[in-house]
PDB file of N, CA and C in Angstrom:
ATOM      1  N   MET A   1       8.047  -3.533  59.662  1.00  0.00           N
ATOM      2  CA  MET A   1       7.939  -4.009  58.301  1.00  0.00           C
ATOM      3  C   MET A   1       7.232  -2.985  57.415  1.00  0.00           C
ATOM      4  N   THR A   2       6.230  -2.295  57.978  1.00  0.00           N
ATOM      5  CA  THR A   2       5.495  -1.307  57.210  1.00  0.00           C
ATOM      6  C   THR A   2       6.391  -0.147  56.799  1.00  0.00           C
ATOM      7  N   ALA A   3       7.321   0.225  57.676  1.00  0.00           N
ATOM      8  CA  ALA A   3       8.238   1.323  57.340  1.00  0.00           C
ATOM      9  C   ALA A   3       9.139   0.932  56.171  1.00  0.00           C
ATOM     10  N   LEU A   4       9.560  -0.313  56.119  1.00  0.00           N
ATOM     11  CA  LEU A   4      10.401  -0.775  55.014  1.00  0.00           C
ATOM     12  C   LEU A   4       9.621  -0.782  53.700  1.00  0.00           C
ATOM     13  N   ILE A   5       8.386  -1.210  53.748  1.00  0.00           N
ATOM     14  CA  ILE A   5       7.544  -1.206  52.552  1.00  0.00           C
ATOM     15  C   ILE A   5       7.306   0.220  52.083  1.00  0.00           C
ATOM     16  N   ASP A   6       7.010   1.113  53.024  1.00  0.00           N
ATOM     17  CA  ASP A   6       6.826   2.524  52.676  1.00  0.00           C
ATOM     18  C   ASP A   6       8.096   3.110  52.071  1.00  0.00           C
ATOM     19  N   ALA A   7       9.245   2.753  52.619  1.00  0.00           N
ATOM     20  CA  ALA A   7      10.517   3.239  52.084  1.00  0.00           C
ATOM     21  C   ALA A   7      10.738   2.725  50.657  1.00  0.00           C
ATOM     22  N   LEU A   8      10.398   1.480  50.404  1.00  0.00           N
ATOM     23  CA  LEU A   8      10.538   0.929  49.053  1.00  0.00           C
ATOM     24  C   LEU A   8       9.607   1.631  48.066  1.00  0.00           C
ATOM     25  N   LEU A   9       8.410   1.956  48.503  1.00  0.00           N
ATOM     26  CA  LEU A   9       7.484   2.667  47.623  1.00  0.00           C
ATOM     27  C   LEU A   9       7.957   4.089  47.357  1.00  0.00           C
ATOM     28  N   VAL A  10       8.601   4.711  48.349  1.00  0.00           N
ATOM     29  CA  VAL A  10       9.209   6.032  48.129  1.00  0.00           C
ATOM     30  C   VAL A  10      10.347   5.910  47.119  1.00  0.00           C
ATOM     31  N   VAL A  11      11.120   4.842  47.216  1.00  0.00           N
ATOM     32  CA  VAL A  11      12.200   4.606  46.244  1.00  0.00           C
ATOM     33  C   VAL A  11      11.619   4.452  44.838  1.00  0.00           C
ATOM     34  N   VAL A  12      10.503   3.753  44.715  1.00  0.00           N
ATOM     35  CA  VAL A  12       9.858   3.594  43.410  1.00  0.00           C
ATOM     36  C   VAL A  12       9.509   4.961  42.829  1.00  0.00           C
ATOM     37  N   VAL A  13       8.872   5.800  43.624  1.00  0.00           N
ATOM     38  CA  VAL A  13       8.474   7.129  43.147  1.00  0.00           C
ATOM     39  C   VAL A  13       9.703   7.967  42.801  1.00  0.00           C
ATOM     40  N   LEU A  14      10.727   7.929  43.634  1.00  0.00           N
ATOM     41  CA  LEU A  14      11.941   8.706  43.364  1.00  0.00           C
ATOM     42  C   LEU A  14      12.643   8.229  42.092  1.00  0.00           C
ATOM     43  N   MET A  15      12.686   6.935  41.868  1.00  0.00           N
ATOM     44  CA  MET A  15      13.333   6.411  40.656  1.00  0.00           C
ATOM     45  C   MET A  15      12.564   6.808  39.401  1.00  0.00           C
ATOM     46  N   VAL A  16      11.240   6.825  39.493  1.00  0.00           N
ATOM     47  CA  VAL A  16      10.444   7.254  38.342  1.00  0.00           C
ATOM     48  C   VAL A  16      10.690   8.734  38.061  1.00  0.00           C
ATOM     49  N   TRP A  17      10.722   9.561  39.107  1.00  0.00           N
ATOM     50  CA  TRP A  17      10.997  10.986  38.904  1.00  0.00           C
ATOM     51  C   TRP A  17      12.410  11.222  38.383  1.00  0.00           C
ATOM     52  N   LEU A  18      13.365  10.466  38.887  1.00  0.00           N
ATOM     53  CA  LEU A  18      14.733  10.593  38.398  1.00  0.00           C
ATOM     54  C   LEU A  18      14.808  10.218  36.916  1.00  0.00           C
ATOM     55  N   GLY A  19      14.114   9.177  36.531  1.00  0.00           N
ATOM     56  CA  GLY A  19      14.059   8.803  35.126  1.00  0.00           C
ATOM     57  C   GLY A  19      13.394   9.870  34.267  1.00  0.00           C
ATOM     58  N   CYS A  20      12.357  10.505  34.795  1.00  0.00           N
ATOM     59  CA  CYS A  20      11.682  11.583  34.060  1.00  0.00           C
ATOM     60  C   CYS A  20      12.594  12.785  33.867  1.00  0.00           C
ATOM     61  N   VAL A  21      13.327  13.146  34.904  1.00  0.00           N
ATOM     62  CA  VAL A  21      14.261  14.277  34.798  1.00  0.00           C
ATOM     63  C   VAL A  21      15.360  13.945  33.798  1.00  0.00           C
ATOM     64  N   GLY A  22      15.901  12.739  33.878  1.00  0.00           N
ATOM     65  CA  GLY A  22      16.921  12.339  32.919  1.00  0.00           C
ATOM     66  C   GLY A  22      16.388  12.320  31.497  1.00  0.00           C
ATOM     67  N   PHE A  23      15.169  11.853  31.331  1.00  0.00           N
ATOM     68  CA  PHE A  23      14.547  11.818  30.001  1.00  0.00           C
ATOM     69  C   PHE A  23      14.399  13.226  29.445  1.00  0.00           C
ATOM     70  N   ALA A  24      14.022  14.174  30.300  1.00  0.00           N
ATOM     71  CA  ALA A  24      13.842  15.556  29.851  1.00  0.00           C
ATOM     72  C   ALA A  24      15.174  16.221  29.522  1.00  0.00           C
ATOM     73  N   ARG A  25      16.239  15.852  30.232  1.00  0.00           N
ATOM     74  CA  ARG A  25      17.537  16.492  30.022  1.00  0.00           C
ATOM     75  C   ARG A  25      18.302  15.939  28.831  1.00  0.00           C
ATOM     76  N   LEU A  26      18.113  14.675  28.515  1.00  0.00           N
ATOM     77  CA  LEU A  26      18.852  14.081  27.408  1.00  0.00           C
ATOM     78  C   LEU A  26      18.183  14.454  26.087  1.00  0.00           C
ATOM     79  N   ARG A  27      18.985  14.738  25.098  1.00  0.00           N
ATOM     80  CA  ARG A  27      18.445  15.204  23.812  1.00  0.00           C
ATOM     81  C   ARG A  27      18.336  14.103  22.769  1.00  0.00           C
ATOM     82  N   ALA A  28      19.270  13.189  22.743  1.00  0.00           N
ATOM     83  CA  ALA A  28      19.263  12.157  21.705  1.00  0.00           C
ATOM     84  C   ALA A  28      18.259  11.054  22.055  1.00  0.00           C
ATOM     85  N   PRO A  29      17.497  10.604  21.078  1.00  0.00           N
ATOM     86  CA  PRO A  29      16.516   9.541  21.352  1.00  0.00           C
ATOM     87  C   PRO A  29      17.154   8.255  21.884  1.00  0.00           C
ATOM     88  N   LEU A  30      18.329   7.912  21.378  1.00  0.00           N
ATOM     89  CA  LEU A  30      18.984   6.702  21.863  1.00  0.00           C
ATOM     90  C   LEU A  30      19.405   6.846  23.323  1.00  0.00           C
ATOM     91  N   ASP A  31      19.766   8.047  23.741  1.00  0.00           N
ATOM     92  CA  ASP A  31      20.110   8.278  25.144  1.00  0.00           C
ATOM     93  C   ASP A  31      18.870   8.212  26.036  1.00  0.00           C
ATOM     94  N   ARG A  32      17.760   8.694  25.526  1.00  0.00           N
ATOM     95  CA  ARG A  32      16.519   8.696  26.314  1.00  0.00           C
ATOM     96  C   ARG A  32      16.031   7.286  26.615  1.00  0.00           C
ATOM     97  N   MET A  33      16.351   6.346  25.735  1.00  0.00           N
ATOM     98  CA  MET A  33      15.926   4.969  25.977  1.00  0.00           C
ATOM     99  C   MET A  33      16.583   4.397  27.229  1.00  0.00           C
ATOM    100  N   HIS A  34      17.762   4.906  27.585  1.00  0.00           N
ATOM    101  CA  HIS A  34      18.413   4.436  28.811  1.00  0.00           C
ATOM    102  C   HIS A  34      17.603   4.826  30.049  1.00  0.00           C
ATOM    103  N   CYS A  35      16.973   5.993  30.005  1.00  0.00           N
ATOM    104  CA  CYS A  35      16.146   6.413  31.142  1.00  0.00           C
ATOM    105  C   CYS A  35      14.931   5.510  31.296  1.00  0.00           C
ATOM    106  N   VAL A  36      14.341   5.116  30.197  1.00  0.00           N
ATOM    107  CA  VAL A  36      13.191   4.221  30.253  1.00  0.00           C
ATOM    108  C   VAL A  36      13.604   2.873  30.847  1.00  0.00           C
ATOM    109  N   ALA A  37      14.751   2.366  30.416  1.00  0.00           N
ATOM    110  CA  ALA A  37      15.240   1.091  30.956  1.00  0.00           C
ATOM    111  C   ALA A  37      15.576   1.217  32.439  1.00  0.00           C
ATOM    112  N   PHE A  38      16.148   2.350  32.836  1.00  0.00           N
ATOM    113  CA  PHE A  38      16.477   2.591  34.242  1.00  0.00           C
ATOM    114  C   PHE A  38      15.224   2.531  35.113  1.00  0.00           C
ATOM    115  N   VAL A  39      14.176   3.224  34.694  1.00  0.00           N
ATOM    116  CA  VAL A  39      12.921   3.221  35.453  1.00  0.00           C
ATOM    117  C   VAL A  39      12.330   1.818  35.492  1.00  0.00           C
ATOM    118  N   ASN A  40      12.382   1.140  34.371  1.00  0.00           N
ATOM    119  CA  ASN A  40      11.830  -0.207  34.281  1.00  0.00           C
ATOM    120  C   ASN A  40      12.506  -1.153  35.273  1.00  0.00           C
ATOM    121  N   VAL A  41      13.822  -1.097  35.353  1.00  0.00           N
ATOM    122  CA  VAL A  41      14.558  -2.021  36.218  1.00  0.00           C
ATOM    123  C   VAL A  41      14.458  -1.617  37.687  1.00  0.00           C
ATOM    124  N   THR A  42      14.763  -0.360  37.997  1.00  0.00           N
ATOM    125  CA  THR A  42      14.833   0.038  39.412  1.00  0.00           C
ATOM    126  C   THR A  42      13.462   0.091  40.070  1.00  0.00           C
ATOM    127  N   ALA A  43      12.517   0.752  39.426  1.00  0.00           N
ATOM    128  CA  ALA A  43      11.190   0.868  40.030  1.00  0.00           C
ATOM    129  C   ALA A  43      10.481  -0.482  40.054  1.00  0.00           C
ATOM    130  N   GLY A  44      10.632  -1.255  38.987  1.00  0.00           N
ATOM    131  CA  GLY A  44      10.000  -2.572  38.956  1.00  0.00           C
ATOM    132  C   GLY A  44      10.534  -3.501  40.027  1.00  0.00           C
ATOM    133  N   SER A  45      11.854  -3.495  40.211  1.00  0.00           N
ATOM    134  CA  SER A  45      12.455  -4.359  41.234  1.00  0.00           C
ATOM    135  C   SER A  45      12.021  -3.954  42.639  1.00  0.00           C
ATOM    136  N   ALA A  46      12.028  -2.661  42.911  1.00  0.00           N
ATOM    137  CA  ALA A  46      11.621  -2.195  44.238  1.00  0.00           C
ATOM    138  C   ALA A  46      10.145  -2.490  44.498  1.00  0.00           C
ATOM    139  N   LEU A  47       9.325  -2.382  43.481  1.00  0.00           N
ATOM    140  CA  LEU A  47       7.901  -2.661  43.643  1.00  0.00           C
ATOM    141  C   LEU A  47       7.659  -4.146  43.911  1.00  0.00           C
ATOM    142  N   VAL A  48       8.383  -5.007  43.213  1.00  0.00           N
ATOM    143  CA  VAL A  48       8.252  -6.449  43.451  1.00  0.00           C
ATOM    144  C   VAL A  48       8.697  -6.790  44.870  1.00  0.00           C
ATOM    145  N   LEU A  49       9.806  -6.215  45.293  1.00  0.00           N
ATOM    146  CA  LEU A  49      10.287  -6.465  46.652  1.00  0.00           C
ATOM    147  C   LEU A  49       9.280  -5.992  47.695  1.00  0.00           C
ATOM    148  N   ALA A  50       8.692  -4.825  47.480  1.00  0.00           N
ATOM    149  CA  ALA A  50       7.678  -4.317  48.406  1.00  0.00           C
ATOM    150  C   ALA A  50       6.456  -5.237  48.442  1.00  0.00           C
ATOM    151  N   ALA A  51       6.063  -5.765  47.297  1.00  0.00           N
ATOM    152  CA  ALA A  51       4.911  -6.660  47.251  1.00  0.00           C
ATOM    153  C   ALA A  51       5.176  -7.950  48.020  1.00  0.00           C
ATOM    154  N   PHE A  52       6.369  -8.508  47.854  1.00  0.00           N
ATOM    155  CA  PHE A  52       6.677  -9.748  48.563  1.00  0.00           C
ATOM    156  C   PHE A  52       6.868  -9.509  50.058  1.00  0.00           C
ATOM    157  N   LEU A  53       7.394  -8.355  50.436  1.00  0.00           N
ATOM    158  CA  LEU A  53       7.519  -8.042  51.864  1.00  0.00           C
ATOM    159  C   LEU A  53       6.146  -7.811  52.499  1.00  0.00           C
ATOM    160  N   GLY A  54       5.257  -7.195  51.745  1.00  0.00           N
ATOM    161  CA  GLY A  54       3.937  -6.885  52.287  1.00  0.00           C
ATOM    162  C   GLY A  54       2.998  -8.070  52.333  1.00  0.00           C
ATOM    163  N   ASP A  55       3.006  -8.876  51.292  1.00  0.00           N
ATOM    164  CA  ASP A  55       2.042  -9.960  51.177  1.00  0.00           C
ATOM    165  C   ASP A  55       2.641 -11.343  51.375  1.00  0.00           C
ATOM    166  N   GLY A  56       3.948 -11.437  51.349  1.00  0.00           N
ATOM    167  CA  GLY A  56       4.550 -12.763  51.337  1.00  0.00           C
ATOM    168  C   GLY A  56       4.431 -13.331  49.937  1.00  0.00           C
ATOM    169  N   ALA A  57       4.441 -14.630  49.829  1.00  0.00           N
ATOM    170  CA  ALA A  57       4.348 -15.280  48.511  1.00  0.00           C
ATOM    171  C   ALA A  57       2.890 -15.488  48.129  1.00  0.00           C
ATOM    172  N   SER A  58       2.147 -14.404  48.055  1.00  0.00           N
ATOM    173  CA  SER A  58       0.727 -14.494  47.708  1.00  0.00           C
ATOM    174  C   SER A  58       0.552 -14.459  46.196  1.00  0.00           C
ATOM    175  N   VAL A  59      -0.655 -14.702  45.765  1.00  0.00           N
ATOM    176  CA  VAL A  59      -0.969 -14.671  44.340  1.00  0.00           C
ATOM    177  C   VAL A  59      -0.736 -13.274  43.783  1.00  0.00           C
ATOM    178  N   ARG A  60      -1.098 -12.258  44.557  1.00  0.00           N
ATOM    179  CA  ARG A  60      -0.918 -10.875  44.114  1.00  0.00           C
ATOM    180  C   ARG A  60       0.558 -10.550  43.918  1.00  0.00           C
ATOM    181  N   ALA A  61       1.401 -10.983  44.837  1.00  0.00           N
ATOM    182  CA  ALA A  61       2.833 -10.720  44.718  1.00  0.00           C
ATOM    183  C   ALA A  61       3.416 -11.433  43.497  1.00  0.00           C
ATOM    184  N   TRP A  62       2.985 -12.662  43.243  1.00  0.00           N
ATOM    185  CA  TRP A  62       3.474 -13.387  42.075  1.00  0.00           C
ATOM    186  C   TRP A  62       3.002 -12.736  40.787  1.00  0.00           C
ATOM    187  N   LYS A  63       1.795 -12.193  40.783  1.00  0.00           N
ATOM    188  CA  LYS A  63       1.307 -11.478  39.603  1.00  0.00           C
ATOM    189  C   LYS A  63       2.136 -10.223  39.349  1.00  0.00           C
ATOM    190  N   ILE A  64       2.486  -9.516  40.415  1.00  0.00           N
ATOM    191  CA  ILE A  64       3.325  -8.325  40.269  1.00  0.00           C
ATOM    192  C   ILE A  64       4.694  -8.704  39.719  1.00  0.00           C
ATOM    193  N   LEU A  65       5.245  -9.813  40.211  1.00  0.00           N
ATOM    194  CA  LEU A  65       6.525 -10.298  39.687  1.00  0.00           C
ATOM    195  C   LEU A  65       6.408 -10.653  38.206  1.00  0.00           C
ATOM    196  N   LEU A  66       5.330 -11.315  37.825  1.00  0.00           N
ATOM    197  CA  LEU A  66       5.121 -11.673  36.426  1.00  0.00           C
ATOM    198  C   LEU A  66       4.996 -10.428  35.543  1.00  0.00           C
ATOM    199  N   ILE A  67       4.274  -9.431  36.015  1.00  0.00           N
ATOM    200  CA  ILE A  67       4.121  -8.194  35.253  1.00  0.00           C
ATOM    201  C   ILE A  67       5.468  -7.482  35.112  1.00  0.00           C
ATOM    202  N   ALA A  68       6.244  -7.437  36.202  1.00  0.00           N
ATOM    203  CA  ALA A  68       7.554  -6.781  36.148  1.00  0.00           C
ATOM    204  C   ALA A  68       8.502  -7.532  35.210  1.00  0.00           C
ATOM    205  N   ALA A  69       8.503  -8.854  35.268  1.00  0.00           N
ATOM    206  CA  ALA A  69       9.376  -9.639  34.387  1.00  0.00           C
ATOM    207  C   ALA A  69       8.962  -9.476  32.922  1.00  0.00           C
ATOM    208  N   THR A  70       7.669  -9.481  32.666  1.00  0.00           N
ATOM    209  CA  THR A  70       7.184  -9.272  31.306  1.00  0.00           C
ATOM    210  C   THR A  70       7.552  -7.885  30.808  1.00  0.00           C
ATOM    211  N   SER A  71       7.434  -6.902  31.677  1.00  0.00           N
ATOM    212  CA  SER A  71       7.807  -5.540  31.323  1.00  0.00           C
ATOM    213  C   SER A  71       9.300  -5.435  31.003  1.00  0.00           C
ATOM    214  N   LEU A  72      10.126  -6.133  31.773  1.00  0.00           N
ATOM    215  CA  LEU A  72      11.567  -6.121  31.493  1.00  0.00           C
ATOM    216  C   LEU A  72      11.871  -6.749  30.134  1.00  0.00           C
ATOM    217  N   LEU A  73      11.267  -7.902  29.863  1.00  0.00           N
ATOM    218  CA  LEU A  73      11.533  -8.583  28.595  1.00  0.00           C
ATOM    219  C   LEU A  73      10.964  -7.814  27.406  1.00  0.00           C
ATOM    220  N   ALA A  74       9.730  -7.368  27.528  1.00  0.00           N
ATOM    221  CA  ALA A  74       9.120  -6.617  26.435  1.00  0.00           C
ATOM    222  C   ALA A  74       9.810  -5.269  26.257  1.00  0.00           C
ATOM    223  N   GLY A  75      10.214  -4.659  27.363  1.00  0.00           N
ATOM    224  CA  GLY A  75      10.924  -3.381  27.283  1.00  0.00           C
ATOM    225  C   GLY A  75      12.249  -3.518  26.575  1.00  0.00           C
ATOM    226  N   ALA A  76      12.955  -4.607  26.829  1.00  0.00           N
ATOM    227  CA  ALA A  76      14.231  -4.833  26.151  1.00  0.00           C
ATOM    228  C   ALA A  76      14.017  -5.029  24.653  1.00  0.00           C
ATOM    229  N   ALA A  77      13.003  -5.794  24.291  1.00  0.00           N
ATOM    230  CA  ALA A  77      12.720  -6.017  22.873  1.00  0.00           C
ATOM    231  C   ALA A  77      12.283  -4.722  22.189  1.00  0.00           C
ATOM    232  N   MET A  78      11.447  -3.954  22.861  1.00  0.00           N
ATOM    233  CA  MET A  78      10.998  -2.682  22.283  1.00  0.00           C
ATOM    234  C   MET A  78      12.143  -1.685  22.172  1.00  0.00           C
ATOM    235  N   SER A  79      13.027  -1.663  23.157  1.00  0.00           N
ATOM    236  CA  SER A  79      14.184  -0.763  23.094  1.00  0.00           C
ATOM    237  C   SER A  79      15.077  -1.127  21.915  1.00  0.00           C
ATOM    238  N   HIS A  80      15.287  -2.413  21.723  1.00  0.00           N
ATOM    239  CA  HIS A  80      16.118  -2.851  20.602  1.00  0.00           C
ATOM    240  C   HIS A  80      15.479  -2.463  19.276  1.00  0.00           C
ATOM    241  N   ALA A  81      14.195  -2.735  19.119  1.00  0.00           N
ATOM    242  CA  ALA A  81      13.508  -2.414  17.866  1.00  0.00           C
ATOM    243  C   ALA A  81      13.462  -0.911  17.629  1.00  0.00           C
ATOM    244  N   THR A  82      13.197  -0.143  18.678  1.00  0.00           N
ATOM    245  CA  THR A  82      13.145   1.310  18.548  1.00  0.00           C
ATOM    246  C   THR A  82      14.514   1.874  18.219  1.00  0.00           C
ATOM    247  N   GLY A  83      15.549   1.380  18.897  1.00  0.00           N
ATOM    248  CA  GLY A  83      16.907   1.851  18.618  1.00  0.00           C
ATOM    249  C   GLY A  83      17.319   1.554  17.192  1.00  0.00           C
ATOM    250  N   ARG A  84      16.985   0.365  16.717  1.00  0.00           N
ATOM    251  CA  ARG A  84      17.320   0.014  15.330  1.00  0.00           C
ATOM    252  C   ARG A  84      16.567   0.911  14.350  1.00  0.00           C
ATOM    253  N   MET A  85      15.307   1.181  14.624  1.00  0.00           N
ATOM    254  CA  MET A  85      14.522   2.050  13.756  1.00  0.00           C
ATOM    255  C   MET A  85      15.100   3.454  13.716  1.00  0.00           C
ATOM    256  N   ILE A  86      15.522   3.967  14.867  1.00  0.00           N
ATOM    257  CA  ILE A  86      16.105   5.310  14.919  1.00  0.00           C
ATOM    258  C   ILE A  86      17.400   5.364  14.125  1.00  0.00           C
ATOM    259  N   MET A  87      18.234   4.330  14.249  1.00  0.00           N
ATOM    260  CA  MET A  87      19.489   4.315  13.504  1.00  0.00           C
ATOM    261  C   MET A  87      19.245   4.241  12.004  1.00  0.00           C
ATOM    262  N   VAL A  88      18.283   3.422  11.571  1.00  0.00           N
ATOM    263  CA  VAL A  88      17.968   3.331  10.144  1.00  0.00           C
ATOM    264  C   VAL A  88      17.410   4.655   9.646  1.00  0.00           C
ATOM    265  N   ARG A  89      16.535   5.267  10.428  1.00  0.00           N
ATOM    266  CA  ARG A  89      15.957   6.555  10.033  1.00  0.00           C
ATOM    267  C   ARG A  89      17.041   7.605   9.867  1.00  0.00           C
ATOM    268  N   ASP A  90      17.998   7.651  10.790  1.00  0.00           N
ATOM    269  CA  ASP A  90      19.072   8.624  10.696  1.00  0.00           C
ATOM    270  C   ASP A  90      19.964   8.368   9.493  1.00  0.00           C
ATOM    271  N   ARG A  91      20.231   7.091   9.206  1.00  0.00           N
ATOM    272  CA  ARG A  91      21.065   6.780   8.039  1.00  0.00           C
ATOM    273  C   ARG A  91      20.347   7.111   6.747  1.00  0.00           C
ATOM    274  N   VAL A  92      19.049   6.903   6.695  1.00  0.00           N
ATOM    275  CA  VAL A  92      18.285   7.255   5.498  1.00  0.00           C
ATOM    276  C   VAL A  92      18.284   8.772   5.323  1.00  0.00           C
ATOM    277  N   ALA A  93      18.117   9.518   6.422  1.00  0.00           N
ATOM    278  CA  ALA A  93      18.117  10.977   6.343  1.00  0.00           C
ATOM    279  C   ALA A  93      19.472  11.509   5.879  1.00  0.00           C
ATOM    280  N   GLU A  94      20.549  10.830   6.283  1.00  0.00           N
ATOM    281  CA  GLU A  94      21.889  11.253   5.869  1.00  0.00           C
ATOM    282  C   GLU A  94      22.230  10.782   4.464  1.00  0.00           C
ATOM    283  N   GLY A  95      21.483   9.832   3.956  1.00  0.00           N
ATOM    284  CA  GLY A  95      21.764   9.290   2.641  1.00  0.00           C
ATOM    285  C   GLY A  95      22.842   8.224   2.650  1.00  0.00           C
ATOM    286  N   THR A  96      23.147   7.667   3.825  1.00  0.00           N
ATOM    287  CA  THR A  96      24.197   6.653   3.915  1.00  0.00           C
ATOM    288  C   THR A  96      23.644   5.247   4.068  1.00  0.00           C
ATOM    289  N   ALA A  97      22.347   5.094   3.968  1.00  0.00           N
ATOM    290  CA  ALA A  97      21.750   3.765   4.132  1.00  0.00           C
ATOM    291  C   ALA A  97      21.952   2.939   2.867  1.00  0.00           C
ATOM    292  N   ASP A  98      22.106   1.658   3.049  1.00  0.00           N
ATOM    293  CA  ASP A  98      22.234   0.744   1.923  1.00  0.00           C
ATOM    294  C   ASP A  98      20.839   0.297   1.501  1.00  0.00           C
ATOM    295  N   LEU A  99      20.198   1.129   0.708  1.00  0.00           N
ATOM    296  CA  LEU A  99      18.853   0.819   0.244  1.00  0.00           C
ATOM    297  C   LEU A  99      18.913   0.309  -1.187  1.00  0.00           C
ATOM    298  N   PRO A 100      18.041  -0.627  -1.535  1.00  0.00           N
ATOM    299  CA  PRO A 100      18.030  -1.087  -2.925  1.00  0.00           C
ATOM    300  C   PRO A 100      17.501   0.019  -3.839  1.00  0.00           C
ATOM    301  N   PRO A 101      17.900   0.000  -5.104  1.00  0.00           N
ATOM    302  CA  PRO A 101      17.345   0.988  -6.041  1.00  0.00           C
ATOM    303  C   PRO A 101      15.832   0.836  -6.121  1.00  0.00           C
ATOM    304  N   GLU A 102      15.158   1.924  -6.419  1.00  0.00           N
ATOM    305  CA  GLU A 102      13.695   1.901  -6.409  1.00  0.00           C
ATOM    306  C   GLU A 102      13.114   0.968  -7.457  1.00  0.00           C
ATOM    307  N   ASP A 103      13.840   0.730  -8.537  1.00  0.00           N
ATOM    308  CA  ASP A 103      13.291  -0.131  -9.576  1.00  0.00           C
ATOM    309  C   ASP A 103      13.333  -1.607  -9.175  1.00  0.00           C
ATOM    310  N   THR A 104      14.026  -1.964  -8.070  1.00  0.00           N
ATOM    311  CA  THR A 104      14.054  -3.351  -7.617  1.00  0.00           C
ATOM    312  C   THR A 104      13.024  -3.631  -6.531  1.00  0.00           C
ATOM    313  N   ILE A 105      12.322  -2.596  -6.064  1.00  0.00           N
ATOM    314  CA  ILE A 105      11.284  -2.771  -5.057  1.00  0.00           C
ATOM    315  C   ILE A 105       9.996  -3.189  -5.756  1.00  0.00           C
ATOM    316  N   PRO A 106       9.374  -4.291  -5.334  1.00  0.00           N
ATOM    317  CA  PRO A 106       8.116  -4.711  -5.980  1.00  0.00           C
ATOM    318  C   PRO A 106       7.066  -3.609  -5.909  1.00  0.00           C
ATOM    319  N   GLU A 107       6.298  -3.492  -6.974  1.00  0.00           N
ATOM    320  CA  GLU A 107       5.327  -2.414  -7.092  1.00  0.00           C
ATOM    321  C   GLU A 107       4.270  -2.440  -6.004  1.00  0.00           C
ATOM    322  N   GLU A 108       3.846  -3.631  -5.556  1.00  0.00           N
ATOM    323  CA  GLU A 108       2.773  -3.707  -4.553  1.00  0.00           C
ATOM    324  C   GLU A 108       3.224  -3.230  -3.176  1.00  0.00           C
ATOM    325  N   THR A 109       4.541  -3.121  -2.922  1.00  0.00           N
ATOM    326  CA  THR A 109       4.997  -2.656  -1.610  1.00  0.00           C
ATOM    327  C   THR A 109       5.193  -1.153  -1.568  1.00  0.00           C
ATOM    328  N   VAL A 110       5.164  -0.488  -2.708  1.00  0.00           N
ATOM    329  CA  VAL A 110       5.412   0.956  -2.776  1.00  0.00           C
ATOM    330  C   VAL A 110       4.146   1.703  -2.460  1.00  0.00           C
TER     331      VAL A 110
END
């Protein structure tokens, strides 16, 4: 059983390194977000599995599962918000964004 847990932890480290290499090689910010999601899913799942194999259904294993699930949900929300921000930023830089004229923006928000 210990060899299987060790193998899962090696998989976690390899998936994180693979995500880092992919992040360094990809140039577009939207493409880089896929590497973050990849690490989040693969390494998180392997770590949860290793925790349950090592400890059984202990409090520590359930906490690790909760942290991994929260990371998946929060990561998805952050990826969506970040991707939307990047797309809006690019459209504003290109001048193709549908922005209201400046005279319609309330003065206190400027």
